[in-house]
Structures are given as structure tokens and as C-alpha cells.
PDB file of N, CA and C in Angstrom:
ATOM      1  N   MET A   1     -25.483   5.714 -54.283  1.00  0.00           N
ATOM      2  CA  MET A   1     -25.988   4.886 -53.028  1.00  0.00           C
ATOM      3  C   MET A   1     -27.453   4.682 -52.737  1.00  0.00           C
ATOM      4  N   ILE A   2     -28.238   5.632 -52.993  1.00  0.00           N
ATOM      5  CA  ILE A   2     -29.356   6.841 -52.981  1.00  0.00           C
ATOM      6  C   ILE A   2     -30.100   5.862 -53.695  1.00  0.00           C
ATOM      7  N   ASP A   3     -29.958   5.244 -54.546  1.00  0.00           N
ATOM      8  CA  ASP A   3     -30.646   4.160 -55.481  1.00  0.00           C
ATOM      9  C   ASP A   3     -30.755   3.204 -55.267  1.00  0.00           C
ATOM     10  N   ILE A   4     -29.765   2.924 -54.698  1.00  0.00           N
ATOM     11  CA  ILE A   4     -30.042   1.073 -53.664  1.00  0.00           C
ATOM     12  C   ILE A   4     -30.774   1.355 -52.805  1.00  0.00           C
ATOM     13  N   ALA A   5     -30.598   2.025 -51.658  1.00  0.00           N
ATOM     14  CA  ALA A   5     -31.851   2.433 -50.453  1.00  0.00           C
ATOM     15  C   ALA A   5     -33.405   2.177 -51.028  1.00  0.00           C
ATOM     16  N   TYR A   6     -32.772   3.152 -52.260  1.00  0.00           N
ATOM     17  CA  TYR A   6     -34.449   3.220 -52.644  1.00  0.00           C
ATOM     18  C   TYR A   6     -34.589   2.136 -53.004  1.00  0.00           C
ATOM     19  N   ALA A   7     -34.336   1.434 -54.065  1.00  0.00           N
ATOM     20  CA  ALA A   7     -34.790  -0.074 -54.082  1.00  0.00           C
ATOM     21  C   ALA A   7     -35.174  -1.118 -53.622  1.00  0.00           C
ATOM     22  N   MET A   8     -34.125  -0.910 -52.019  1.00  0.00           N
ATOM     23  CA  MET A   8     -34.571  -1.613 -51.102  1.00  0.00           C
ATOM     24  C   MET A   8     -35.601  -1.760 -50.440  1.00  0.00           C
ATOM     25  N   GLY A   9     -35.936  -0.405 -50.007  1.00  0.00           N
ATOM     26  CA  GLY A   9     -37.462   0.369 -49.421  1.00  0.00           C
ATOM     27  C   GLY A   9     -38.540   0.038 -50.061  1.00  0.00           C
ATOM     28  N   THR A  10     -39.095  -0.057 -51.690  1.00  0.00           N
ATOM     29  CA  THR A  10     -39.650  -0.200 -52.335  1.00  0.00           C
ATOM     30  C   THR A  10     -40.216  -2.096 -51.967  1.00  0.00           C
ATOM     31  N   GLY A  11     -38.844  -2.615 -52.055  1.00  0.00           N
ATOM     32  CA  GLY A  11     -38.771  -3.993 -52.463  1.00  0.00           C
ATOM     33  C   GLY A  11     -39.850  -4.461 -51.307  1.00  0.00           C
ATOM     34  N   GLY A  12     -39.047  -4.232 -49.869  1.00  0.00           N
ATOM     35  CA  GLY A  12     -39.516  -4.346 -48.423  1.00  0.00           C
ATOM     36  C   GLY A  12     -40.814  -4.202 -48.029  1.00  0.00           C
ATOM     37  N   GLU A  13     -41.306  -2.943 -48.731  1.00  0.00           N
ATOM     38  CA  GLU A  13     -43.182  -3.118 -48.354  1.00  0.00           C
ATOM     39  C   GLU A  13     -44.105  -4.609 -49.066  1.00  0.00           C
ATOM     40  N   ALA A  14     -44.114  -4.327 -50.408  1.00  0.00           N
ATOM     41  CA  ALA A  14     -44.665  -5.800 -50.751  1.00  0.00           C
ATOM     42  C   ALA A  14     -44.221  -6.496 -49.826  1.00  0.00           C
ATOM     43  N   GLY A  15     -43.245  -7.247 -49.599  1.00  0.00           N
ATOM     44  CA  GLY A  15     -42.843  -8.484 -48.760  1.00  0.00           C
ATOM     45  C   GLY A  15     -43.243  -8.383 -47.683  1.00  0.00           C
ATOM     46  N   GLY A  16     -43.310  -6.895 -47.263  1.00  0.00           N
ATOM     47  CA  GLY A  16     -43.952  -6.865 -45.711  1.00  0.00           C
ATOM     48  C   GLY A  16     -44.958  -7.469 -45.302  1.00  0.00           C
ATOM     49  N   GLN A  17     -46.407  -6.997 -46.549  1.00  0.00           N
ATOM     50  CA  GLN A  17     -47.432  -7.383 -45.945  1.00  0.00           C
ATOM     51  C   GLN A  17     -48.171  -8.663 -46.299  1.00  0.00           C
ATOM     52  N   ALA A  18     -47.606  -9.462 -47.429  1.00  0.00           N
ATOM     53  CA  ALA A  18     -47.566 -10.799 -47.669  1.00  0.00           C
ATOM     54  C   ALA A  18     -46.308 -11.566 -46.113  1.00  0.00           C
ATOM     55  N   GLY A  19     -45.577 -11.209 -46.109  1.00  0.00           N
ATOM     56  CA  GLY A  19     -44.846 -11.487 -44.680  1.00  0.00           C
ATOM     57  C   GLY A  19     -45.373 -11.998 -43.636  1.00  0.00           C
ATOM     58  N   GLY A  20     -46.353 -10.695 -43.165  1.00  0.00           N
ATOM     59  CA  GLY A  20     -47.023 -10.358 -42.300  1.00  0.00           C
ATOM     60  C   GLY A  20     -48.097 -11.454 -41.783  1.00  0.00           C
ATOM     61  N   MET A  21     -49.090 -11.393 -42.673  1.00  0.00           N
ATOM     62  CA  MET A  21     -50.116 -12.932 -43.243  1.00  0.00           C
ATOM     63  C   MET A  21     -49.247 -14.272 -42.492  1.00  0.00           C
ATOM     64  N   GLY A  22     -48.044 -14.207 -43.144  1.00  0.00           N
ATOM     65  CA  GLY A  22     -47.687 -15.520 -43.235  1.00  0.00           C
ATOM     66  C   GLY A  22     -47.377 -15.677 -41.831  1.00  0.00           C
ATOM     67  N   ALA A  23     -47.155 -14.953 -41.214  1.00  0.00           N
ATOM     68  CA  ALA A  23     -46.239 -15.091 -39.593  1.00  0.00           C
ATOM     69  C   ALA A  23     -47.865 -15.758 -38.837  1.00  0.00           C
ATOM     70  N   PHE A  24     -48.545 -15.235 -39.472  1.00  0.00           N
ATOM     71  CA  PHE A  24     -49.716 -16.049 -38.351  1.00  0.00           C
ATOM     72  C   PHE A  24     -49.734 -17.319 -38.675  1.00  0.00           C
ATOM     73  N   VAL A  25     -49.412 -17.937 -39.561  1.00  0.00           N
ATOM     74  CA  VAL A  25     -50.093 -19.280 -40.044  1.00  0.00           C
ATOM     75  C   VAL A  25     -49.130 -20.251 -39.090  1.00  0.00           C
ATOM     76  N   PRO A  26     -47.979 -20.296 -39.041  1.00  0.00           N
ATOM     77  CA  PRO A  26     -47.514 -21.052 -37.559  1.00  0.00           C
ATOM     78  C   PRO A  26     -48.311 -20.992 -36.564  1.00  0.00           C
ATOM     79  N   LEU A  27     -48.508 -19.710 -36.205  1.00  0.00           N
ATOM     80  CA  LEU A  27     -49.111 -19.615 -34.644  1.00  0.00           C
ATOM     81  C   LEU A  27     -50.627 -20.448 -34.383  1.00  0.00           C
ATOM     82  N   ILE A  28     -51.240 -20.083 -36.070  1.00  0.00           N
ATOM     83  CA  ILE A  28     -52.348 -20.748 -35.872  1.00  0.00           C
ATOM     84  C   ILE A  28     -52.003 -22.376 -35.739  1.00  0.00           C
ATOM     85  N   LEU A  29     -50.962 -22.918 -36.758  1.00  0.00           N
ATOM     86  CA  LEU A  29     -50.906 -24.491 -36.682  1.00  0.00           C
ATOM     87  C   LEU A  29     -50.042 -24.981 -35.046  1.00  0.00           C
ATOM     88  N   MET A  30     -49.393 -24.424 -34.294  1.00  0.00           N
ATOM     89  CA  MET A  30     -49.019 -24.563 -33.243  1.00  0.00           C
ATOM     90  C   MET A  30     -50.355 -24.653 -32.384  1.00  0.00           C
ATOM     91  N   PHE A  31     -51.074 -23.646 -32.540  1.00  0.00           N
ATOM     92  CA  PHE A  31     -52.370 -23.967 -31.792  1.00  0.00           C
ATOM     93  C   PHE A  31     -53.160 -24.989 -31.953  1.00  0.00           C
ATOM     94  N   VAL A  32     -53.769 -25.246 -32.883  1.00  0.00           N
ATOM     95  CA  VAL A  32     -54.235 -26.672 -33.475  1.00  0.00           C
ATOM     96  C   VAL A  32     -53.829 -27.603 -32.884  1.00  0.00           C
ATOM     97  N   ILE A  33     -51.994 -27.484 -32.978  1.00  0.00           N
ATOM     98  CA  ILE A  33     -51.486 -28.556 -33.061  1.00  0.00           C
ATOM     99  C   ILE A  33     -51.729 -29.457 -30.938  1.00  0.00           C
ATOM    100  N   PHE A  34     -51.359 -27.804 -30.521  1.00  0.00           N
ATOM    101  CA  PHE A  34     -51.898 -27.958 -28.403  1.00  0.00           C
ATOM    102  C   PHE A  34     -53.027 -28.467 -28.503  1.00  0.00           C
ATOM    103  N   TYR A  35     -54.241 -27.879 -29.091  1.00  0.00           N
ATOM    104  CA  TYR A  35     -55.637 -28.529 -28.647  1.00  0.00           C
ATOM    105  C   TYR A  35     -55.911 -29.734 -29.179  1.00  0.00           C
ATOM    106  N   PHE A  36     -54.798 -30.653 -30.152  1.00  0.00           N
ATOM    107  CA  PHE A  36     -55.697 -31.612 -30.556  1.00  0.00           C
ATOM    108  C   PHE A  36     -54.504 -33.237 -29.590  1.00  0.00           C
ATOM    109  N   LEU A  37     -53.123 -32.266 -29.144  1.00  0.00           N
ATOM    110  CA  LEU A  37     -52.175 -32.992 -28.458  1.00  0.00           C
ATOM    111  C   LEU A  37     -52.409 -33.056 -27.027  1.00  0.00           C
ATOM    112  N   LEU A  38     -53.011 -31.460 -26.840  1.00  0.00           N
ATOM    113  CA  LEU A  38     -53.019 -31.420 -24.978  1.00  0.00           C
ATOM    114  C   LEU A  38     -54.651 -31.230 -24.684  1.00  0.00           C
ATOM    115  N   ILE A  39     -54.799 -30.214 -24.808  1.00  0.00           N
ATOM    116  CA  ILE A  39     -56.621 -29.725 -24.185  1.00  0.00           C
ATOM    117  C   ILE A  39     -57.028 -30.621 -24.863  1.00  0.00           C
ATOM    118  N   ARG A  40     -57.725 -30.983 -26.443  1.00  0.00           N
ATOM    119  CA  ARG A  40     -58.556 -32.234 -25.872  1.00  0.00           C
ATOM    120  C   ARG A  40     -58.075 -33.656 -25.415  1.00  0.00           C
ATOM    121  N   PRO A  41     -57.613 -33.776 -24.886  1.00  0.00           N
ATOM    122  CA  PRO A  41     -57.421 -35.579 -24.223  1.00  0.00           C
ATOM    123  C   PRO A  41     -57.653 -34.946 -22.617  1.00  0.00           C
ATOM    124  N   GLN A  42     -57.332 -33.693 -21.909  1.00  0.00           N
ATOM    125  CA  GLN A  42     -57.121 -33.196 -20.945  1.00  0.00           C
ATOM    126  C   GLN A  42     -59.008 -33.081 -20.363  1.00  0.00           C
ATOM    127  N   GLN A  43     -59.410 -32.574 -21.350  1.00  0.00           N
ATOM    128  CA  GLN A  43     -61.024 -32.237 -21.626  1.00  0.00           C
ATOM    129  C   GLN A  43     -61.691 -33.651 -21.290  1.00  0.00           C
ATOM    130  N   LYS A  44     -61.243 -34.852 -21.871  1.00  0.00           N
ATOM    131  CA  LYS A  44     -61.924 -35.947 -22.091  1.00  0.00           C
ATOM    132  C   LYS A  44     -61.808 -36.356 -20.733  1.00  0.00           C
ATOM    133  N   LYS A  45     -60.332 -36.141 -20.258  1.00  0.00           N
ATOM    134  CA  LYS A  45     -60.345 -36.903 -18.992  1.00  0.00           C
ATOM    135  C   LYS A  45     -61.340 -36.409 -18.082  1.00  0.00           C
ATOM    136  N   GLN A  46     -61.395 -35.246 -17.464  1.00  0.00           N
ATOM    137  CA  GLN A  46     -62.102 -34.477 -16.354  1.00  0.00           C
ATOM    138  C   GLN A  46     -63.682 -34.446 -17.021  1.00  0.00           C
ATOM    139  N   LYS A  47     -64.119 -35.017 -18.000  1.00  0.00           N
ATOM    140  CA  LYS A  47     -65.161 -35.603 -17.914  1.00  0.00           C
ATOM    141  C   LYS A  47     -65.399 -36.735 -17.777  1.00  0.00           C
ATOM    142  N   LEU A  48     -64.551 -37.388 -18.286  1.00  0.00           N
ATOM    143  CA  LEU A  48     -65.182 -39.064 -17.412  1.00  0.00           C
ATOM    144  C   LEU A  48     -64.799 -38.758 -15.861  1.00  0.00           C
ATOM    145  N   GLN A  49     -63.751 -37.827 -15.446  1.00  0.00           N
ATOM    146  CA  GLN A  49     -63.826 -37.842 -13.876  1.00  0.00           C
ATOM    147  C   GLN A  49     -64.940 -37.529 -13.561  1.00  0.00           C
ATOM    148  N   ARG A  50     -65.931 -36.379 -14.007  1.00  0.00           N
ATOM    149  CA  ARG A  50     -67.244 -35.907 -13.310  1.00  0.00           C
ATOM    150  C   ARG A  50     -68.518 -36.820 -13.322  1.00  0.00           C
ATOM    151  N   GLU A  51     -68.336 -37.632 -14.388  1.00  0.00           N
ATOM    152  CA  GLU A  51     -69.177 -38.869 -14.880  1.00  0.00           C
ATOM    153  C   GLU A  51     -69.165 -39.938 -13.840  1.00  0.00           C
ATOM    154  N   MET A  52     -67.684 -40.066 -12.908  1.00  0.00           N
ATOM    155  CA  MET A  52     -67.396 -41.173 -12.240  1.00  0.00           C
ATOM    156  C   MET A  52     -67.701 -40.329 -10.944  1.00  0.00           C
ATOM    157  N   ILE A  53     -67.613 -39.530 -11.012  1.00  0.00           N
ATOM    158  CA  ILE A  53     -68.069 -38.820  -8.923  1.00  0.00           C
ATOM    159  C   ILE A  53     -69.764 -38.637  -9.132  1.00  0.00           C
ATOM    160  N   GLY A  54     -69.969 -38.609 -10.309  1.00  0.00           N
ATOM    161  CA  GLY A  54     -71.728 -38.253  -9.932  1.00  0.00           C
ATOM    162  C   GLY A  54     -72.491 -39.964 -10.124  1.00  0.00           C
ATOM    163  N   SER A  55     -71.426 -40.628 -10.420  1.00  0.00           N
ATOM    164  CA  SER A  55     -72.464 -41.918 -10.378  1.00  0.00           C
ATOM    165  C   SER A  55     -72.158 -42.611  -9.322  1.00  0.00           C
ATOM    166  N   LEU A  56     -71.572 -42.329  -8.093  1.00  0.00           N
ATOM    167  CA  LEU A  56     -70.903 -42.845  -6.898  1.00  0.00           C
ATOM    168  C   LEU A  56     -72.548 -42.754  -5.987  1.00  0.00           C
ATOM    169  N   LYS A  57     -72.587 -44.241  -5.262  1.00  0.00           N
ATOM    170  CA  LYS A  57     -73.528 -44.788  -4.939  1.00  0.00           C
ATOM    171  C   LYS A  57     -73.222 -45.239  -3.433  1.00  0.00           C
ATOM    172  N   LYS A  58     -74.127 -45.357  -2.753  1.00  0.00           N
ATOM    173  CA  LYS A  58     -73.462 -46.312  -1.119  1.00  0.00           C
ATOM    174  C   LYS A  58     -73.067 -47.467  -1.569  1.00  0.00           C
ATOM    175  N   GLY A  59     -71.908 -47.890  -0.938  1.00  0.00           N
ATOM    176  CA  GLY A  59     -71.982 -49.393  -1.020  1.00  0.00           C
ATOM    177  C   GLY A  59     -70.391 -49.286  -2.329  1.00  0.00           C
ATOM    178  N   ASP A  60     -70.541 -48.106  -2.665  1.00  0.00           N
ATOM    179  CA  ASP A  60     -69.334 -48.351  -3.523  1.00  0.00           C
ATOM    180  C   ASP A  60     -67.868 -48.426  -3.350  1.00  0.00           C
ATOM    181  N   ARG A  61     -67.275 -49.300  -3.361  1.00  0.00           N
ATOM    182  CA  ARG A  61     -65.859 -48.926  -3.136  1.00  0.00           C
ATOM    183  C   ARG A  61     -64.718 -48.054  -3.746  1.00  0.00           C
ATOM    184  N   VAL A  62     -64.160 -46.890  -2.929  1.00  0.00           N
ATOM    185  CA  VAL A  62     -63.460 -46.594  -4.126  1.00  0.00           C
ATOM    186  C   VAL A  62     -61.490 -45.975  -3.365  1.00  0.00           C
ATOM    187  N   ILE A  63     -60.969 -45.519  -4.068  1.00  0.00           N
ATOM    188  CA  ILE A  63     -59.734 -44.861  -3.675  1.00  0.00           C
ATOM    189  C   ILE A  63     -59.952 -43.057  -3.639  1.00  0.00           C
ATOM    190  N   THR A  64     -59.270 -42.798  -2.620  1.00  0.00           N
ATOM    191  CA  THR A  64     -59.107 -41.423  -2.916  1.00  0.00           C
ATOM    192  C   THR A  64     -57.668 -40.800  -3.106  1.00  0.00           C
ATOM    193  N   THR A  65     -57.661 -39.350  -3.958  1.00  0.00           N
ATOM    194  CA  THR A  65     -56.446 -39.024  -4.047  1.00  0.00           C
ATOM    195  C   THR A  65     -55.467 -39.141  -2.898  1.00  0.00           C
ATOM    196  N   GLY A  66     -55.489 -39.421  -1.640  1.00  0.00           N
ATOM    197  CA  GLY A  66     -54.947 -39.688  -0.741  1.00  0.00           C
ATOM    198  C   GLY A  66     -53.919 -40.922  -0.653  1.00  0.00           C
ATOM    199  N   GLY A  67     -54.685 -41.717  -1.312  1.00  0.00           N
ATOM    200  CA  GLY A  67     -54.461 -42.961  -0.845  1.00  0.00           C
ATOM    201  C   GLY A  67     -55.479 -44.134  -0.144  1.00  0.00           C
ATOM    202  N   LEU A  68     -55.978 -43.590   0.889  1.00  0.00           N
ATOM    203  CA  LEU A  68     -57.369 -44.538   1.317  1.00  0.00           C
ATOM    204  C   LEU A  68     -58.086 -45.378   0.429  1.00  0.00           C
ATOM    205  N   TYR A  69     -58.433 -46.986   0.993  1.00  0.00           N
ATOM    206  CA  TYR A  69     -59.284 -47.210   0.369  1.00  0.00           C
ATOM    207  C   TYR A  69     -60.620 -47.473   1.161  1.00  0.00           C
ATOM    208  N   GLY A  70     -61.563 -47.422   0.628  1.00  0.00           N
ATOM    209  CA  GLY A  70     -63.078 -47.718   1.901  1.00  0.00           C
ATOM    210  C   GLY A  70     -64.233 -47.876   0.633  1.00  0.00           C
ATOM    211  N   LYS A  71     -65.205 -48.023   1.573  1.00  0.00           N
ATOM    212  CA  LYS A  71     -66.765 -48.361   1.211  1.00  0.00           C
ATOM    213  C   LYS A  71     -67.486 -47.164   1.221  1.00  0.00           C
ATOM    214  N   ILE A  72     -67.788 -46.637   0.760  1.00  0.00           N
ATOM    215  CA  ILE A  72     -69.122 -45.397   0.883  1.00  0.00           C
ATOM    216  C   ILE A  72     -70.371 -45.963   1.712  1.00  0.00           C
ATOM    217  N   THR A  73     -70.531 -46.016   2.686  1.00  0.00           N
ATOM    218  CA  THR A  73     -71.392 -45.843   3.826  1.00  0.00           C
ATOM    219  C   THR A  73     -72.157 -44.579   3.326  1.00  0.00           C
ATOM    220  N   GLY A  74     -71.946 -43.296   3.137  1.00  0.00           N
ATOM    221  CA  GLY A  74     -73.107 -42.292   3.189  1.00  0.00           C
ATOM    222  C   GLY A  74     -72.381 -41.104   2.325  1.00  0.00           C
ATOM    223  N   ILE A  75     -73.684 -40.573   1.590  1.00  0.00           N
ATOM    224  CA  ILE A  75     -72.846 -39.705   0.557  1.00  0.00           C
ATOM    225  C   ILE A  75     -73.951 -38.417   0.241  1.00  0.00           C
ATOM    226  N   THR A  76     -73.324 -37.388  -0.001  1.00  0.00           N
ATOM    227  CA  THR A  76     -74.377 -35.998  -0.196  1.00  0.00           C
ATOM    228  C   THR A  76     -74.228 -35.595  -1.446  1.00  0.00           C
ATOM    229  N   ASP A  77     -73.940 -34.391  -1.614  1.00  0.00           N
ATOM    230  CA  ASP A  77     -73.791 -33.742  -3.139  1.00  0.00           C
ATOM    231  C   ASP A  77     -72.266 -33.311  -2.813  1.00  0.00           C
ATOM    232  N   THR A  78     -72.049 -32.536  -1.956  1.00  0.00           N
ATOM    233  CA  THR A  78     -70.279 -32.958  -1.464  1.00  0.00           C
ATOM    234  C   THR A  78     -69.189 -33.466  -0.424  1.00  0.00           C
ATOM    235  N   VAL A  79     -69.988 -34.212   0.122  1.00  0.00           N
ATOM    236  CA  VAL A  79     -69.154 -35.346   1.220  1.00  0.00           C
ATOM    237  C   VAL A  79     -69.425 -36.539   0.735  1.00  0.00           C
ATOM    238  N   ALA A  80     -68.553 -37.509   0.844  1.00  0.00           N
ATOM    239  CA  ALA A  80     -68.803 -38.887   1.043  1.00  0.00           C
ATOM    240  C   ALA A  80     -68.158 -39.609   2.340  1.00  0.00           C
ATOM    241  N   THR A  81     -68.698 -40.394   3.027  1.00  0.00           N
ATOM    242  CA  THR A  81     -68.500 -40.803   4.569  1.00  0.00           C
ATOM    243  C   THR A  81     -67.933 -42.384   3.638  1.00  0.00           C
ATOM    244  N   LEU A  82     -66.504 -42.207   3.957  1.00  0.00           N
ATOM    245  CA  LEU A  82     -65.626 -43.981   4.079  1.00  0.00           C
ATOM    246  C   LEU A  82     -65.739 -44.594   5.337  1.00  0.00           C
ATOM    247  N   GLU A  83     -66.029 -45.826   4.786  1.00  0.00           N
ATOM    248  CA  GLU A  83     -65.665 -46.416   6.330  1.00  0.00           C
ATOM    249  C   GLU A  83     -64.350 -47.737   5.620  1.00  0.00           C
ATOM    250  N   ILE A  84     -63.109 -46.757   6.250  1.00  0.00           N
ATOM    251  CA  ILE A  84     -61.936 -47.677   6.095  1.00  0.00           C
ATOM    252  C   ILE A  84     -61.667 -48.941   6.770  1.00  0.00           C
ATOM    253  N   SER A  85     -61.996 -48.860   7.913  1.00  0.00           N
ATOM    254  CA  SER A  85     -62.045 -50.415   8.631  1.00  0.00           C
ATOM    255  C   SER A  85     -63.511 -50.425   9.567  1.00  0.00           C
ATOM    256  N   ASP A  86     -63.416 -51.119  10.338  1.00  0.00           N
ATOM    257  CA  ASP A  86     -64.272 -51.667  10.980  1.00  0.00           C
ATOM    258  C   ASP A  86     -64.706 -50.499  12.062  1.00  0.00           C
ATOM    259  N   LYS A  87     -65.780 -49.668  11.873  1.00  0.00           N
ATOM    260  CA  LYS A  87     -65.923 -48.985  12.782  1.00  0.00           C
ATOM    261  C   LYS A  87     -65.209 -47.568  12.863  1.00  0.00           C
ATOM    262  N   VAL A  88     -64.091 -47.290  11.852  1.00  0.00           N
ATOM    263  CA  VAL A  88     -63.659 -46.338  11.529  1.00  0.00           C
ATOM    264  C   VAL A  88     -64.268 -45.344  10.224  1.00  0.00           C
ATOM    265  N   ARG A  89     -64.761 -44.709  10.278  1.00  0.00           N
ATOM    266  CA  ARG A  89     -65.504 -44.023   9.156  1.00  0.00           C
ATOM    267  C   ARG A  89     -64.836 -42.179   8.893  1.00  0.00           C
ATOM    268  N   VAL A  90     -64.233 -41.890   7.895  1.00  0.00           N
ATOM    269  CA  VAL A  90     -64.192 -40.999   7.984  1.00  0.00           C
ATOM    270  C   VAL A  90     -64.886 -40.320   6.757  1.00  0.00           C
ATOM    271  N   LYS A  91     -64.806 -38.582   6.524  1.00  0.00           N
ATOM    272  CA  LYS A  91     -65.486 -37.850   5.540  1.00  0.00           C
ATOM    273  C   LYS A  91     -64.609 -37.002   4.887  1.00  0.00           C
ATOM    274  N   VAL A  92     -64.867 -37.707   3.644  1.00  0.00           N
ATOM    275  CA  VAL A  92     -63.957 -36.599   2.098  1.00  0.00           C
ATOM    276  C   VAL A  92     -64.991 -35.564   1.384  1.00  0.00           C
ATOM    277  N   VAL A  93     -64.343 -35.302   0.914  1.00  0.00           N
ATOM    278  CA  VAL A  93     -65.247 -34.280  -0.409  1.00  0.00           C
ATOM    279  C   VAL A  93     -65.095 -34.972  -1.424  1.00  0.00           C
ATOM    280  N   ARG A  94     -66.317 -35.286  -2.305  1.00  0.00           N
ATOM    281  CA  ARG A  94     -66.516 -35.728  -3.368  1.00  0.00           C
ATOM    282  C   ARG A  94     -65.711 -35.650  -4.349  1.00  0.00           C
ATOM    283  N   ALA A  95     -64.819 -34.514  -4.454  1.00  0.00           N
ATOM    284  CA  ALA A  95     -63.613 -34.522  -5.633  1.00  0.00           C
ATOM    285  C   ALA A  95     -62.325 -35.213  -5.165  1.00  0.00           C
ATOM    286  N   ASN A  96     -62.313 -35.491  -4.093  1.00  0.00           N
ATOM    287  CA  ASN A  96     -61.315 -36.092  -3.930  1.00  0.00           C
ATOM    288  C   ASN A  96     -61.118 -37.595  -3.808  1.00  0.00           C
ATOM    289  N   ILE A  97     -61.916 -37.902  -4.321  1.00  0.00           N
ATOM    290  CA  ILE A  97     -62.375 -39.656  -4.836  1.00  0.00           C
ATOM    291  C   ILE A  97     -61.569 -40.027  -6.185  1.00  0.00           C
ATOM    292  N   ALA A  98     -60.167 -40.771  -5.959  1.00  0.00           N
ATOM    293  CA  ALA A  98     -59.799 -40.735  -7.170  1.00  0.00           C
ATOM    294  C   ALA A  98     -60.543 -41.739  -8.236  1.00  0.00           C
ATOM    295  N   GLY A  99     -61.081 -42.631  -7.617  1.00  0.00           N
ATOM    296  CA  GLY A  99     -62.128 -43.603  -8.599  1.00  0.00           C
ATOM    297  C   GLY A  99     -62.239 -45.003  -7.578  1.00  0.00           C
ATOM    298  N   LYS A 100     -63.220 -45.857  -8.661  1.00  0.00           N
ATOM    299  CA  LYS A 100     -63.524 -46.616  -7.811  1.00  0.00           C
ATOM    300  C   LYS A 100     -62.678 -47.594  -8.110  1.00  0.00           C
ATOM    301  N   ALA A 101     -62.488 -48.427  -6.641  1.00  0.00           N
ATOM    302  CA  ALA A 101     -61.411 -49.681  -6.584  1.00  0.00           C
ATOM    303  C   ALA A 101     -61.722 -50.808  -7.215  1.00  0.00           C
ATOM    304  N   ASP A 102     -60.989 -51.499  -7.523  1.00  0.00           N
ATOM    305  CA  ASP A 102     -61.331 -52.755  -7.858  1.00  0.00           C
ATOM    306  C   ASP A 102     -61.330 -54.214  -6.819  1.00  0.00           C
ATOM    307  N   THR A 103     -62.560 -54.101  -6.627  1.00  0.00           N
ATOM    308  CA  THR A 103     -62.314 -55.008  -4.918  1.00  0.00           C
ATOM    309  C   THR A 103     -61.953 -56.723  -5.267  1.00  0.00           C
ATOM    310  N   GLU A 104     -61.180 -57.105  -6.340  1.00  0.00           N
ATOM    311  CA  GLU A 104     -60.467 -58.033  -6.482  1.00  0.00           C
ATOM    312  C   GLU A 104     -59.245 -57.659  -5.639  1.00  0.00           C
ATOM    313  N   LYS A 105     -58.633 -56.906  -6.222  1.00  0.00           N
ATOM    314  CA  LYS A 105     -57.478 -56.731  -5.654  1.00  0.00           C
ATOM    315  C   LYS A 105     -57.326 -56.021  -4.239  1.00  0.00           C
ATOM    316  N   VAL A 106     -57.982 -55.433  -3.970  1.00  0.00           N
ATOM    317  CA  VAL A 106     -58.276 -55.245  -2.367  1.00  0.00           C
ATOM    318  C   VAL A 106     -58.737 -55.839  -1.542  1.00  0.00           C
ATOM    319  N   THR A 107     -57.962 -56.300  -1.143  1.00  0.00           N
ATOM    320  CA  THR A 107     -58.078 -57.091   0.704  1.00  0.00           C
ATOM    321  C   THR A 107     -58.033 -56.129   1.911  1.00  0.00           C
ATOM    322  N   ALA A 108     -59.333 -57.131   2.772  1.00  0.00           N
ATOM    323  CA  ALA A 108     -59.209 -56.098   3.535  1.00  0.00           C
ATOM    324  C   ALA A 108     -58.464 -57.846   4.944  1.00  0.00           C
ATOM    325  N   LYS A 109     -57.617 -56.707   5.616  1.00  0.00           N
ATOM    326  CA  LYS A 109     -57.163 -57.817   6.615  1.00  0.00           C
ATOM    327  C   LYS A 109     -57.713 -57.910   8.035  1.00  0.00           C
TER     328      LYS A 109
END
């Protein structure tokens, strides 16, 4: 019985070292997959959003994250003033502008 236990213990040490390094391969592979499927596309989307917010100027028609359509009548580093109707202006944080509105689809009544 002791011979069997000794044999099992000796073989386990050599296999344990090789198995320890092999255990990291799936973790590294999972990180690479997450990077290319989740992290990288999100970074590209954030970069495009920052560029769009940086390129805003007076007269652009935009939509906010809250769903307001408006025309930019004034803009600073952090705040944009939108005219959402005749003589109705609201101030919004530039980061809350979701994107430029398609002027052909947005019609004021």
C-alpha cells in the first residue's frame, strides 16, 4: 500500500509543474478574446463620441441623451445652449449630447 502512495506522489509533482503553467493559457486566451470582442470596440465608440463632442459648433442640430432635439445657439467648454423651440433655450452639459441630429428627419411644427 505504501508503494502505491509513493508512486502516486512522485508522478504528481512532475505533472503539477507542467499543469500549473498550462492553467494560465486559458486565462490569457479569455483575456485576449474579451479585449477584442468587448474592450476594443467600446474604446473606439468612446473615441468617436469624444471627437463628435469636440467638433460641435454653433448652428449644429443635436439630440441629447434625454431625447431633446435642438439647435446649438451657444457653446462653451462644458455647456451647450440649445434652442428647442422659438425663444425656448436650455443649457445642457456637452457630455449629455448623444449626437448630431439628421436635419431631414427632424421637422419643427
